[in-house]
N, C-alpha and C. Protein backbone atom coordinates (compact mmCIF):
# COMPACT_ATOMS: atom_id res chain seq x y z
N MET A 1 4.71 8.19 -25.56
CA MET A 1 6.11 8.53 -25.67
C MET A 1 6.26 9.91 -26.29
N SER A 2 7.28 10.58 -25.89
CA SER A 2 7.54 11.91 -26.41
C SER A 2 8.02 11.80 -27.84
N GLU A 3 7.62 12.74 -28.66
CA GLU A 3 8.03 12.72 -30.06
C GLU A 3 9.39 13.39 -30.24
N ASN A 4 9.95 13.96 -29.17
CA ASN A 4 11.24 14.64 -29.28
C ASN A 4 12.40 13.66 -29.42
N PHE A 5 12.21 12.42 -28.96
CA PHE A 5 13.27 11.43 -28.96
C PHE A 5 12.77 10.13 -29.56
N PRO A 6 13.62 9.44 -30.36
CA PRO A 6 13.29 8.06 -30.70
C PRO A 6 13.29 7.25 -29.40
N LEU A 7 12.66 6.07 -29.41
CA LEU A 7 12.47 5.28 -28.20
C LEU A 7 13.77 5.03 -27.45
N ASN A 8 14.82 4.57 -28.12
CA ASN A 8 16.07 4.27 -27.44
C ASN A 8 16.70 5.53 -26.84
N GLU A 9 16.69 6.63 -27.59
CA GLU A 9 17.22 7.89 -27.08
C GLU A 9 16.38 8.39 -25.90
N GLN A 10 15.08 8.21 -25.98
CA GLN A 10 14.21 8.64 -24.88
C GLN A 10 14.52 7.83 -23.62
N THR A 11 14.71 6.53 -23.77
CA THR A 11 15.06 5.68 -22.63
C THR A 11 16.35 6.18 -21.99
N GLN A 12 17.33 6.50 -22.80
CA GLN A 12 18.60 7.02 -22.29
C GLN A 12 18.42 8.38 -21.62
N GLU A 13 17.58 9.22 -22.20
CA GLU A 13 17.33 10.54 -21.62
C GLU A 13 16.62 10.42 -20.28
N VAL A 14 15.64 9.53 -20.18
CA VAL A 14 14.94 9.30 -18.91
C VAL A 14 15.94 8.83 -17.86
N THR A 15 16.80 7.89 -18.23
CA THR A 15 17.81 7.39 -17.30
C THR A 15 18.74 8.51 -16.86
N ARG A 16 19.18 9.34 -17.80
CA ARG A 16 20.07 10.46 -17.48
C ARG A 16 19.40 11.42 -16.49
N LEU A 17 18.13 11.74 -16.74
CA LEU A 17 17.41 12.66 -15.87
C LEU A 17 17.18 12.05 -14.48
N LEU A 18 16.90 10.77 -14.45
CA LEU A 18 16.69 10.11 -13.15
C LEU A 18 17.98 10.10 -12.32
N ILE A 19 19.10 9.87 -12.97
CA ILE A 19 20.38 9.90 -12.26
C ILE A 19 20.65 11.32 -11.75
N ALA A 20 20.35 12.31 -12.57
CA ALA A 20 20.51 13.70 -12.13
C ALA A 20 19.61 13.99 -10.93
N LEU A 21 18.39 13.49 -10.97
CA LEU A 21 17.46 13.66 -9.85
C LEU A 21 18.02 13.00 -8.59
N SER A 22 18.63 11.83 -8.75
CA SER A 22 19.25 11.13 -7.63
C SER A 22 20.38 11.93 -7.02
N GLU A 23 21.02 12.72 -7.86
CA GLU A 23 22.14 13.54 -7.41
C GLU A 23 21.69 14.87 -6.83
N GLY A 24 20.38 15.04 -6.66
CA GLY A 24 19.85 16.23 -6.03
C GLY A 24 19.47 17.36 -6.97
N GLN A 25 19.51 17.13 -8.26
CA GLN A 25 19.16 18.15 -9.24
C GLN A 25 17.64 18.15 -9.45
N ARG A 26 16.92 18.75 -8.51
CA ARG A 26 15.45 18.74 -8.52
C ARG A 26 14.86 19.43 -9.75
N GLU A 27 15.61 20.32 -10.35
CA GLU A 27 15.10 21.07 -11.50
C GLU A 27 14.84 20.19 -12.73
N VAL A 28 15.42 18.98 -12.78
CA VAL A 28 15.21 18.10 -13.93
C VAL A 28 13.81 17.48 -13.92
N THR A 29 13.09 17.62 -12.82
CA THR A 29 11.74 17.06 -12.73
C THR A 29 10.86 17.58 -13.86
N ASP A 30 10.99 18.86 -14.19
CA ASP A 30 10.18 19.44 -15.26
C ASP A 30 10.50 18.81 -16.63
N GLN A 31 11.73 18.38 -16.83
CA GLN A 31 12.11 17.71 -18.07
C GLN A 31 11.65 16.25 -18.06
N LEU A 32 11.62 15.65 -16.87
CA LEU A 32 11.28 14.24 -16.73
C LEU A 32 9.79 13.99 -16.96
N ILE A 33 8.96 14.88 -16.47
CA ILE A 33 7.51 14.68 -16.53
C ILE A 33 7.00 14.33 -17.93
N PRO A 34 7.31 15.12 -18.96
CA PRO A 34 6.75 14.79 -20.27
C PRO A 34 7.28 13.47 -20.85
N LEU A 35 8.42 13.02 -20.38
CA LEU A 35 9.00 11.78 -20.90
C LEU A 35 8.40 10.53 -20.25
N VAL A 36 7.86 10.65 -19.05
CA VAL A 36 7.32 9.46 -18.36
C VAL A 36 5.81 9.53 -18.15
N TYR A 37 5.24 10.70 -18.29
CA TYR A 37 3.83 10.89 -17.94
C TYR A 37 2.90 9.99 -18.77
N ALA A 38 3.10 9.94 -20.07
CA ALA A 38 2.20 9.16 -20.93
C ALA A 38 2.22 7.68 -20.54
N GLU A 39 3.40 7.15 -20.26
CA GLU A 39 3.50 5.74 -19.89
C GLU A 39 2.86 5.49 -18.51
N LEU A 40 3.09 6.40 -17.57
CA LEU A 40 2.44 6.27 -16.26
C LEU A 40 0.92 6.38 -16.40
N ARG A 41 0.46 7.26 -17.24
CA ARG A 41 -0.98 7.45 -17.46
C ARG A 41 -1.59 6.20 -18.10
N ARG A 42 -0.85 5.60 -19.04
CA ARG A 42 -1.32 4.37 -19.68
C ARG A 42 -1.45 3.25 -18.65
N LEU A 43 -0.45 3.12 -17.78
CA LEU A 43 -0.50 2.10 -16.73
C LEU A 43 -1.68 2.34 -15.80
N ALA A 44 -1.82 3.57 -15.36
CA ALA A 44 -2.92 3.90 -14.45
C ALA A 44 -4.26 3.65 -15.11
N GLY A 45 -4.39 4.03 -16.36
CA GLY A 45 -5.64 3.81 -17.08
C GLY A 45 -5.97 2.34 -17.20
N SER A 46 -4.96 1.51 -17.45
CA SER A 46 -5.23 0.08 -17.59
C SER A 46 -5.63 -0.52 -16.25
N TYR A 47 -5.10 -0.02 -15.14
CA TYR A 47 -5.49 -0.51 -13.83
C TYR A 47 -6.93 -0.13 -13.51
N LEU A 48 -7.30 1.07 -13.89
CA LEU A 48 -8.57 1.63 -13.44
C LEU A 48 -9.72 1.45 -14.42
N LYS A 49 -9.46 0.95 -15.62
CA LYS A 49 -10.54 0.88 -16.62
C LYS A 49 -11.66 -0.05 -16.20
N ASN A 50 -11.37 -1.04 -15.37
CA ASN A 50 -12.40 -1.97 -14.94
C ASN A 50 -12.85 -1.73 -13.50
N GLU A 51 -12.52 -0.58 -12.96
CA GLU A 51 -12.91 -0.28 -11.58
C GLU A 51 -14.42 -0.23 -11.44
N ARG A 52 -14.84 -0.41 -10.21
CA ARG A 52 -16.28 -0.36 -9.94
C ARG A 52 -16.83 1.00 -10.34
N GLU A 53 -18.09 1.04 -10.67
CA GLU A 53 -18.75 2.28 -11.04
C GLU A 53 -18.72 3.24 -9.85
N GLY A 54 -18.42 4.47 -10.11
CA GLY A 54 -18.39 5.47 -9.05
C GLY A 54 -17.07 5.50 -8.29
N HIS A 55 -16.04 4.78 -8.79
CA HIS A 55 -14.75 4.79 -8.11
C HIS A 55 -14.21 6.22 -8.11
N THR A 56 -13.69 6.65 -6.98
CA THR A 56 -13.28 8.05 -6.86
C THR A 56 -11.86 8.31 -7.34
N LEU A 57 -11.05 7.27 -7.49
CA LEU A 57 -9.68 7.46 -7.95
C LEU A 57 -9.64 7.40 -9.47
N GLN A 58 -9.21 8.46 -10.09
CA GLN A 58 -9.11 8.55 -11.54
C GLN A 58 -7.66 8.33 -11.96
N PRO A 59 -7.41 7.91 -13.22
CA PRO A 59 -6.04 7.67 -13.66
C PRO A 59 -5.10 8.86 -13.44
N THR A 60 -5.57 10.05 -13.72
CA THR A 60 -4.73 11.24 -13.54
C THR A 60 -4.34 11.40 -12.07
N ALA A 61 -5.27 11.17 -11.17
CA ALA A 61 -4.97 11.28 -9.74
C ALA A 61 -3.99 10.20 -9.31
N LEU A 62 -4.16 9.00 -9.83
CA LEU A 62 -3.23 7.91 -9.50
C LEU A 62 -1.82 8.24 -10.00
N VAL A 63 -1.72 8.74 -11.22
CA VAL A 63 -0.42 9.13 -11.77
C VAL A 63 0.21 10.22 -10.93
N HIS A 64 -0.55 11.25 -10.60
CA HIS A 64 0.00 12.37 -9.84
C HIS A 64 0.46 11.92 -8.46
N GLU A 65 -0.36 11.11 -7.80
CA GLU A 65 0.01 10.63 -6.47
C GLU A 65 1.28 9.78 -6.54
N ALA A 66 1.34 8.88 -7.50
CA ALA A 66 2.52 8.02 -7.65
C ALA A 66 3.75 8.85 -8.04
N PHE A 67 3.61 9.76 -8.99
CA PHE A 67 4.75 10.55 -9.45
C PHE A 67 5.32 11.40 -8.32
N LEU A 68 4.46 12.05 -7.57
CA LEU A 68 4.95 12.87 -6.46
C LEU A 68 5.72 12.04 -5.44
N LYS A 69 5.23 10.85 -5.16
CA LYS A 69 5.93 9.98 -4.23
C LYS A 69 7.26 9.51 -4.83
N LEU A 70 7.27 9.25 -6.11
CA LEU A 70 8.48 8.77 -6.77
C LEU A 70 9.60 9.80 -6.75
N VAL A 71 9.30 11.02 -7.16
CA VAL A 71 10.35 12.03 -7.27
C VAL A 71 10.77 12.59 -5.91
N ASN A 72 9.95 12.36 -4.89
CA ASN A 72 10.30 12.86 -3.57
C ASN A 72 10.97 11.81 -2.69
N GLN A 73 11.23 10.64 -3.26
CA GLN A 73 11.93 9.61 -2.51
C GLN A 73 13.43 9.81 -2.61
N ASP A 74 14.12 9.37 -1.58
CA ASP A 74 15.58 9.42 -1.60
C ASP A 74 16.07 8.11 -2.18
N VAL A 75 16.02 8.02 -3.51
CA VAL A 75 16.38 6.80 -4.22
C VAL A 75 17.50 7.10 -5.19
N LYS A 76 18.42 6.19 -5.29
CA LYS A 76 19.47 6.31 -6.31
C LYS A 76 18.94 5.60 -7.56
N TRP A 77 18.36 6.38 -8.46
CA TRP A 77 17.77 5.82 -9.67
C TRP A 77 18.86 5.24 -10.55
N GLU A 78 18.58 4.06 -11.10
CA GLU A 78 19.56 3.38 -11.95
C GLU A 78 19.18 3.47 -13.43
N SER A 79 17.87 3.45 -13.71
CA SER A 79 17.44 3.40 -15.10
C SER A 79 15.96 3.70 -15.20
N ARG A 80 15.49 3.80 -16.42
CA ARG A 80 14.06 3.96 -16.69
C ARG A 80 13.29 2.76 -16.14
N SER A 81 13.83 1.56 -16.36
CA SER A 81 13.17 0.34 -15.86
C SER A 81 13.05 0.36 -14.34
N HIS A 82 14.08 0.82 -13.68
CA HIS A 82 14.05 0.93 -12.22
C HIS A 82 12.93 1.89 -11.79
N PHE A 83 12.82 3.00 -12.48
CA PHE A 83 11.78 3.98 -12.18
C PHE A 83 10.38 3.37 -12.33
N PHE A 84 10.15 2.66 -13.45
CA PHE A 84 8.83 2.08 -13.67
C PHE A 84 8.56 0.90 -12.73
N ALA A 85 9.61 0.22 -12.31
CA ALA A 85 9.43 -0.83 -11.29
C ALA A 85 8.95 -0.21 -9.99
N MET A 86 9.55 0.90 -9.60
CA MET A 86 9.11 1.59 -8.38
C MET A 86 7.70 2.17 -8.57
N ALA A 87 7.42 2.66 -9.77
CA ALA A 87 6.08 3.18 -10.05
C ALA A 87 5.05 2.08 -9.89
N ALA A 88 5.38 0.89 -10.37
CA ALA A 88 4.46 -0.24 -10.25
C ALA A 88 4.18 -0.55 -8.79
N LYS A 89 5.23 -0.56 -7.99
CA LYS A 89 5.08 -0.86 -6.56
C LYS A 89 4.22 0.21 -5.89
N LEU A 90 4.47 1.47 -6.19
CA LEU A 90 3.69 2.55 -5.58
C LEU A 90 2.24 2.52 -6.03
N MET A 91 2.00 2.28 -7.31
CA MET A 91 0.62 2.21 -7.79
C MET A 91 -0.11 1.04 -7.13
N ARG A 92 0.59 -0.06 -6.98
CA ARG A 92 -0.01 -1.21 -6.29
C ARG A 92 -0.40 -0.82 -4.87
N ARG A 93 0.50 -0.17 -4.16
CA ARG A 93 0.23 0.25 -2.77
C ARG A 93 -0.97 1.20 -2.72
N ILE A 94 -0.99 2.16 -3.62
CA ILE A 94 -2.08 3.15 -3.65
C ILE A 94 -3.41 2.46 -3.91
N LEU A 95 -3.45 1.57 -4.91
CA LEU A 95 -4.68 0.87 -5.25
C LEU A 95 -5.14 -0.06 -4.12
N VAL A 96 -4.21 -0.75 -3.51
CA VAL A 96 -4.57 -1.63 -2.39
C VAL A 96 -5.09 -0.80 -1.22
N ASP A 97 -4.45 0.32 -0.95
CA ASP A 97 -4.92 1.19 0.14
C ASP A 97 -6.35 1.69 -0.14
N TYR A 98 -6.61 2.06 -1.40
CA TYR A 98 -7.97 2.49 -1.75
C TYR A 98 -8.96 1.34 -1.62
N ALA A 99 -8.53 0.14 -2.06
CA ALA A 99 -9.42 -1.03 -1.95
C ALA A 99 -9.71 -1.35 -0.49
N ARG A 100 -8.69 -1.28 0.35
CA ARG A 100 -8.90 -1.56 1.78
C ARG A 100 -9.83 -0.52 2.40
N ALA A 101 -9.65 0.73 2.04
CA ALA A 101 -10.51 1.77 2.57
C ALA A 101 -11.95 1.56 2.12
N TYR A 102 -12.13 1.20 0.86
CA TYR A 102 -13.48 0.96 0.34
C TYR A 102 -14.11 -0.25 1.02
N LYS A 103 -13.31 -1.30 1.17
CA LYS A 103 -13.83 -2.51 1.82
C LYS A 103 -14.19 -2.22 3.27
N ALA A 104 -13.39 -1.44 3.94
CA ALA A 104 -13.68 -1.10 5.33
C ALA A 104 -14.99 -0.32 5.42
N GLU A 105 -15.20 0.54 4.42
CA GLU A 105 -16.46 1.30 4.38
C GLU A 105 -17.65 0.37 4.20
N LYS A 106 -17.50 -0.59 3.32
CA LYS A 106 -18.59 -1.48 2.99
C LYS A 106 -18.71 -2.66 3.95
N ARG A 107 -17.63 -2.90 4.73
CA ARG A 107 -17.59 -4.05 5.64
C ARG A 107 -17.94 -5.32 4.89
N GLY A 108 -17.19 -5.54 3.79
CA GLY A 108 -17.42 -6.71 2.95
C GLY A 108 -17.36 -8.01 3.73
N GLY A 109 -18.18 -8.97 3.33
CA GLY A 109 -18.28 -10.22 4.06
C GLY A 109 -17.32 -11.27 3.58
N ASP A 110 -17.84 -12.45 3.35
CA ASP A 110 -17.01 -13.60 3.00
C ASP A 110 -16.31 -13.36 1.67
N GLU A 111 -15.07 -13.88 1.60
CA GLU A 111 -14.30 -13.77 0.38
C GLU A 111 -14.23 -15.16 -0.26
N ALA A 112 -14.71 -15.28 -1.48
CA ALA A 112 -14.70 -16.56 -2.18
C ALA A 112 -13.37 -16.74 -2.88
N LYS A 113 -12.99 -18.01 -3.12
CA LYS A 113 -11.79 -18.29 -3.89
C LYS A 113 -12.07 -17.94 -5.35
N ILE A 114 -11.05 -17.40 -6.01
CA ILE A 114 -11.19 -17.03 -7.41
C ILE A 114 -9.96 -17.50 -8.17
N SER A 115 -10.06 -17.58 -9.49
CA SER A 115 -8.90 -17.99 -10.29
C SER A 115 -7.95 -16.80 -10.43
N LEU A 116 -6.71 -17.10 -10.82
CA LEU A 116 -5.73 -16.05 -11.01
C LEU A 116 -6.17 -15.09 -12.10
N GLU A 117 -6.70 -15.64 -13.19
CA GLU A 117 -7.15 -14.78 -14.28
C GLU A 117 -8.25 -13.84 -13.81
N GLU A 118 -9.18 -14.37 -12.99
CA GLU A 118 -10.24 -13.53 -12.43
C GLU A 118 -9.65 -12.45 -11.55
N ALA A 119 -8.64 -12.80 -10.79
CA ALA A 119 -8.01 -11.81 -9.91
C ALA A 119 -7.42 -10.67 -10.73
N PHE A 120 -6.75 -11.02 -11.83
CA PHE A 120 -6.14 -9.98 -12.65
C PHE A 120 -7.19 -9.13 -13.34
N VAL A 121 -8.28 -9.73 -13.77
CA VAL A 121 -9.32 -8.97 -14.46
C VAL A 121 -10.14 -8.16 -13.47
N PHE A 122 -10.54 -8.80 -12.38
CA PHE A 122 -11.49 -8.16 -11.48
C PHE A 122 -10.87 -7.48 -10.27
N ALA A 123 -9.56 -7.63 -10.06
CA ALA A 123 -8.94 -6.97 -8.91
C ALA A 123 -9.13 -5.47 -9.00
N ARG A 124 -9.20 -4.98 -10.23
CA ARG A 124 -9.41 -3.55 -10.41
C ARG A 124 -10.86 -3.18 -10.18
N ALA A 125 -11.73 -4.15 -10.26
CA ALA A 125 -13.15 -3.85 -10.14
C ALA A 125 -13.68 -4.14 -8.74
N ARG A 126 -13.09 -5.08 -8.05
CA ARG A 126 -13.61 -5.46 -6.75
C ARG A 126 -12.49 -5.40 -5.71
N PRO A 127 -12.65 -4.59 -4.71
CA PRO A 127 -11.58 -4.40 -3.74
C PRO A 127 -11.19 -5.67 -2.99
N ALA A 128 -12.12 -6.57 -2.73
CA ALA A 128 -11.78 -7.80 -2.00
C ALA A 128 -10.75 -8.61 -2.78
N GLU A 129 -10.90 -8.68 -4.12
CA GLU A 129 -9.96 -9.42 -4.93
C GLU A 129 -8.61 -8.72 -5.01
N MET A 130 -8.63 -7.40 -5.03
CA MET A 130 -7.38 -6.64 -5.03
C MET A 130 -6.60 -6.95 -3.75
N ILE A 131 -7.30 -6.98 -2.64
CA ILE A 131 -6.66 -7.27 -1.36
C ILE A 131 -6.17 -8.71 -1.32
N ALA A 132 -6.99 -9.65 -1.84
CA ALA A 132 -6.58 -11.06 -1.88
C ALA A 132 -5.32 -11.24 -2.72
N LEU A 133 -5.25 -10.57 -3.86
CA LEU A 133 -4.06 -10.64 -4.70
C LEU A 133 -2.86 -10.06 -3.96
N ASP A 134 -3.03 -8.95 -3.30
CA ASP A 134 -1.94 -8.34 -2.55
C ASP A 134 -1.45 -9.28 -1.45
N GLU A 135 -2.37 -9.90 -0.73
CA GLU A 135 -1.99 -10.83 0.33
C GLU A 135 -1.27 -12.05 -0.23
N ALA A 136 -1.73 -12.55 -1.37
CA ALA A 136 -1.06 -13.68 -2.00
C ALA A 136 0.35 -13.30 -2.45
N LEU A 137 0.51 -12.09 -2.99
CA LEU A 137 1.83 -11.63 -3.40
C LEU A 137 2.76 -11.47 -2.19
N GLU A 138 2.20 -11.04 -1.06
CA GLU A 138 3.00 -10.92 0.17
C GLU A 138 3.48 -12.30 0.61
N LYS A 139 2.60 -13.31 0.55
CA LYS A 139 2.99 -14.69 0.90
C LYS A 139 4.06 -15.20 -0.05
N LEU A 140 3.87 -14.93 -1.35
CA LEU A 140 4.85 -15.37 -2.34
C LEU A 140 6.20 -14.69 -2.09
N ALA A 141 6.18 -13.43 -1.69
CA ALA A 141 7.42 -12.70 -1.41
C ALA A 141 8.19 -13.36 -0.27
N GLU A 142 7.48 -13.91 0.69
CA GLU A 142 8.14 -14.60 1.80
C GLU A 142 8.82 -15.87 1.32
N ILE A 143 8.18 -16.55 0.36
CA ILE A 143 8.70 -17.82 -0.16
C ILE A 143 9.75 -17.58 -1.24
N ASP A 144 9.43 -16.69 -2.16
CA ASP A 144 10.30 -16.43 -3.31
C ASP A 144 10.16 -14.97 -3.73
N PRO A 145 10.99 -14.11 -3.16
CA PRO A 145 10.88 -12.66 -3.45
C PRO A 145 10.99 -12.31 -4.92
N ARG A 146 11.85 -13.01 -5.66
CA ARG A 146 12.02 -12.66 -7.07
C ARG A 146 10.76 -12.93 -7.87
N ARG A 147 10.12 -14.06 -7.62
CA ARG A 147 8.89 -14.38 -8.36
C ARG A 147 7.78 -13.39 -8.01
N SER A 148 7.71 -13.01 -6.76
CA SER A 148 6.72 -12.01 -6.35
C SER A 148 6.98 -10.69 -7.08
N LYS A 149 8.23 -10.31 -7.16
CA LYS A 149 8.61 -9.06 -7.82
C LYS A 149 8.27 -9.12 -9.31
N ILE A 150 8.46 -10.29 -9.93
CA ILE A 150 8.15 -10.44 -11.35
C ILE A 150 6.66 -10.24 -11.59
N VAL A 151 5.82 -10.83 -10.74
CA VAL A 151 4.38 -10.64 -10.89
C VAL A 151 4.04 -9.16 -10.72
N GLU A 152 4.60 -8.53 -9.72
CA GLU A 152 4.32 -7.12 -9.47
C GLU A 152 4.75 -6.25 -10.65
N LEU A 153 5.95 -6.48 -11.17
CA LEU A 153 6.45 -5.67 -12.28
C LEU A 153 5.64 -5.89 -13.55
N ARG A 154 5.20 -7.11 -13.75
CA ARG A 154 4.44 -7.41 -14.97
C ARG A 154 3.00 -6.92 -14.86
N PHE A 155 2.35 -7.23 -13.75
CA PHE A 155 0.93 -6.88 -13.61
C PHE A 155 0.74 -5.40 -13.28
N PHE A 156 1.44 -4.92 -12.28
CA PHE A 156 1.25 -3.53 -11.85
C PHE A 156 2.14 -2.55 -12.61
N GLY A 157 3.30 -3.02 -13.07
CA GLY A 157 4.23 -2.12 -13.74
C GLY A 157 4.12 -2.13 -15.24
N GLY A 158 3.47 -3.15 -15.80
CA GLY A 158 3.33 -3.23 -17.24
C GLY A 158 4.65 -3.46 -17.96
N LEU A 159 5.67 -3.91 -17.23
CA LEU A 159 6.97 -4.15 -17.85
C LEU A 159 6.95 -5.47 -18.61
N ASN A 160 7.72 -5.54 -19.69
CA ASN A 160 7.84 -6.80 -20.43
C ASN A 160 8.98 -7.62 -19.84
N ASN A 161 9.16 -8.84 -20.33
CA ASN A 161 10.17 -9.74 -19.76
C ASN A 161 11.58 -9.16 -19.83
N LYS A 162 11.90 -8.50 -20.92
CA LYS A 162 13.25 -7.93 -21.07
C LYS A 162 13.47 -6.81 -20.04
N GLU A 163 12.48 -5.95 -19.87
CA GLU A 163 12.60 -4.87 -18.88
C GLU A 163 12.69 -5.43 -17.47
N ILE A 164 11.90 -6.45 -17.18
CA ILE A 164 11.95 -7.07 -15.85
C ILE A 164 13.32 -7.69 -15.63
N ALA A 165 13.85 -8.36 -16.65
CA ALA A 165 15.18 -8.96 -16.55
C ALA A 165 16.23 -7.91 -16.23
N THR A 166 16.11 -6.75 -16.87
CA THR A 166 17.05 -5.66 -16.62
C THR A 166 16.94 -5.18 -15.18
N VAL A 167 15.73 -4.98 -14.70
CA VAL A 167 15.51 -4.50 -13.33
C VAL A 167 16.08 -5.49 -12.32
N LEU A 168 15.85 -6.78 -12.55
CA LEU A 168 16.25 -7.80 -11.59
C LEU A 168 17.66 -8.34 -11.81
N GLY A 169 18.26 -8.01 -12.94
CA GLY A 169 19.62 -8.47 -13.22
C GLY A 169 19.69 -9.96 -13.53
N VAL A 170 18.66 -10.47 -14.22
CA VAL A 170 18.63 -11.88 -14.62
C VAL A 170 18.35 -11.95 -16.11
N HIS A 171 18.43 -13.15 -16.66
CA HIS A 171 18.14 -13.36 -18.08
C HIS A 171 16.63 -13.37 -18.29
N SER A 172 16.17 -12.96 -19.46
CA SER A 172 14.72 -12.92 -19.73
C SER A 172 14.10 -14.31 -19.70
N ASN A 173 14.88 -15.37 -20.00
CA ASN A 173 14.35 -16.73 -19.88
C ASN A 173 14.03 -17.07 -18.42
N THR A 174 14.84 -16.56 -17.51
CA THR A 174 14.59 -16.76 -16.08
C THR A 174 13.30 -16.07 -15.68
N VAL A 175 13.09 -14.88 -16.22
CA VAL A 175 11.86 -14.14 -15.94
C VAL A 175 10.65 -14.94 -16.42
N LEU A 176 10.72 -15.46 -17.64
CA LEU A 176 9.61 -16.23 -18.19
C LEU A 176 9.33 -17.48 -17.36
N ARG A 177 10.37 -18.20 -16.99
CA ARG A 177 10.21 -19.41 -16.16
C ARG A 177 9.60 -19.05 -14.81
N ASP A 178 10.15 -18.01 -14.17
CA ASP A 178 9.64 -17.61 -12.86
C ASP A 178 8.21 -17.09 -12.94
N TRP A 179 7.86 -16.39 -14.02
CA TRP A 179 6.50 -15.91 -14.22
C TRP A 179 5.52 -17.09 -14.27
N ASN A 180 5.88 -18.11 -15.04
CA ASN A 180 5.01 -19.28 -15.15
C ASN A 180 4.86 -20.00 -13.81
N LEU A 181 5.95 -20.14 -13.07
CA LEU A 181 5.88 -20.79 -11.75
C LEU A 181 5.09 -19.94 -10.76
N ALA A 182 5.29 -18.63 -10.80
CA ALA A 182 4.55 -17.74 -9.89
C ALA A 182 3.05 -17.79 -10.19
N ARG A 183 2.69 -17.79 -11.47
CA ARG A 183 1.27 -17.88 -11.83
C ARG A 183 0.67 -19.18 -11.33
N ALA A 184 1.41 -20.28 -11.49
CA ALA A 184 0.89 -21.58 -11.02
C ALA A 184 0.70 -21.56 -9.50
N TRP A 185 1.65 -20.98 -8.79
CA TRP A 185 1.55 -20.90 -7.33
C TRP A 185 0.37 -20.02 -6.92
N LEU A 186 0.24 -18.87 -7.58
CA LEU A 186 -0.85 -17.96 -7.23
C LEU A 186 -2.22 -18.57 -7.51
N LYS A 187 -2.31 -19.40 -8.55
CA LYS A 187 -3.57 -20.07 -8.84
C LYS A 187 -4.02 -20.94 -7.68
N THR A 188 -3.05 -21.53 -6.98
CA THR A 188 -3.42 -22.36 -5.81
C THR A 188 -3.86 -21.50 -4.64
N GLN A 189 -3.45 -20.26 -4.60
CA GLN A 189 -3.75 -19.37 -3.49
C GLN A 189 -5.04 -18.58 -3.68
N LEU A 190 -5.39 -18.32 -4.94
CA LEU A 190 -6.57 -17.49 -5.21
C LEU A 190 -7.75 -18.38 -5.49
């Protein structure tokens, strides 16, 4: 977090800058970067810390790729939480694309069933599990889009229950209940 603003003021400043960006004020990007970069870098680092040895995607590259895609989208930004929700989705897409490319290179064979906890720990390390998790989330999205979104925001976005509730416009108790149900469902799929 930037030391120029206390946390609440920084959240408000990020939201203000994102709204300005939505209104076409591209020059605010330079002000936005220092306010969101550390958090994006932390998220990217946590995703990639358990990656396979020799992985070519580094946290800085993941952040840069995601940030460029984020600020170049035609999105009406609503808040800091909305921004990080989109960042989570983009980072997920980038990581899954890299995992698919790696798996295609290796022509990986049979995929064994794994537990949800293993998927969360090892999805960053083994591309087959990353792809399996992505496919399970796609299935969950067909059945229950909100629960799928909660898993994505929590796992890939690093958002807490309150932030997820804000993004989705529901109560944090609903987020907690849906998280528990989504985890139970995913355990049957992985």
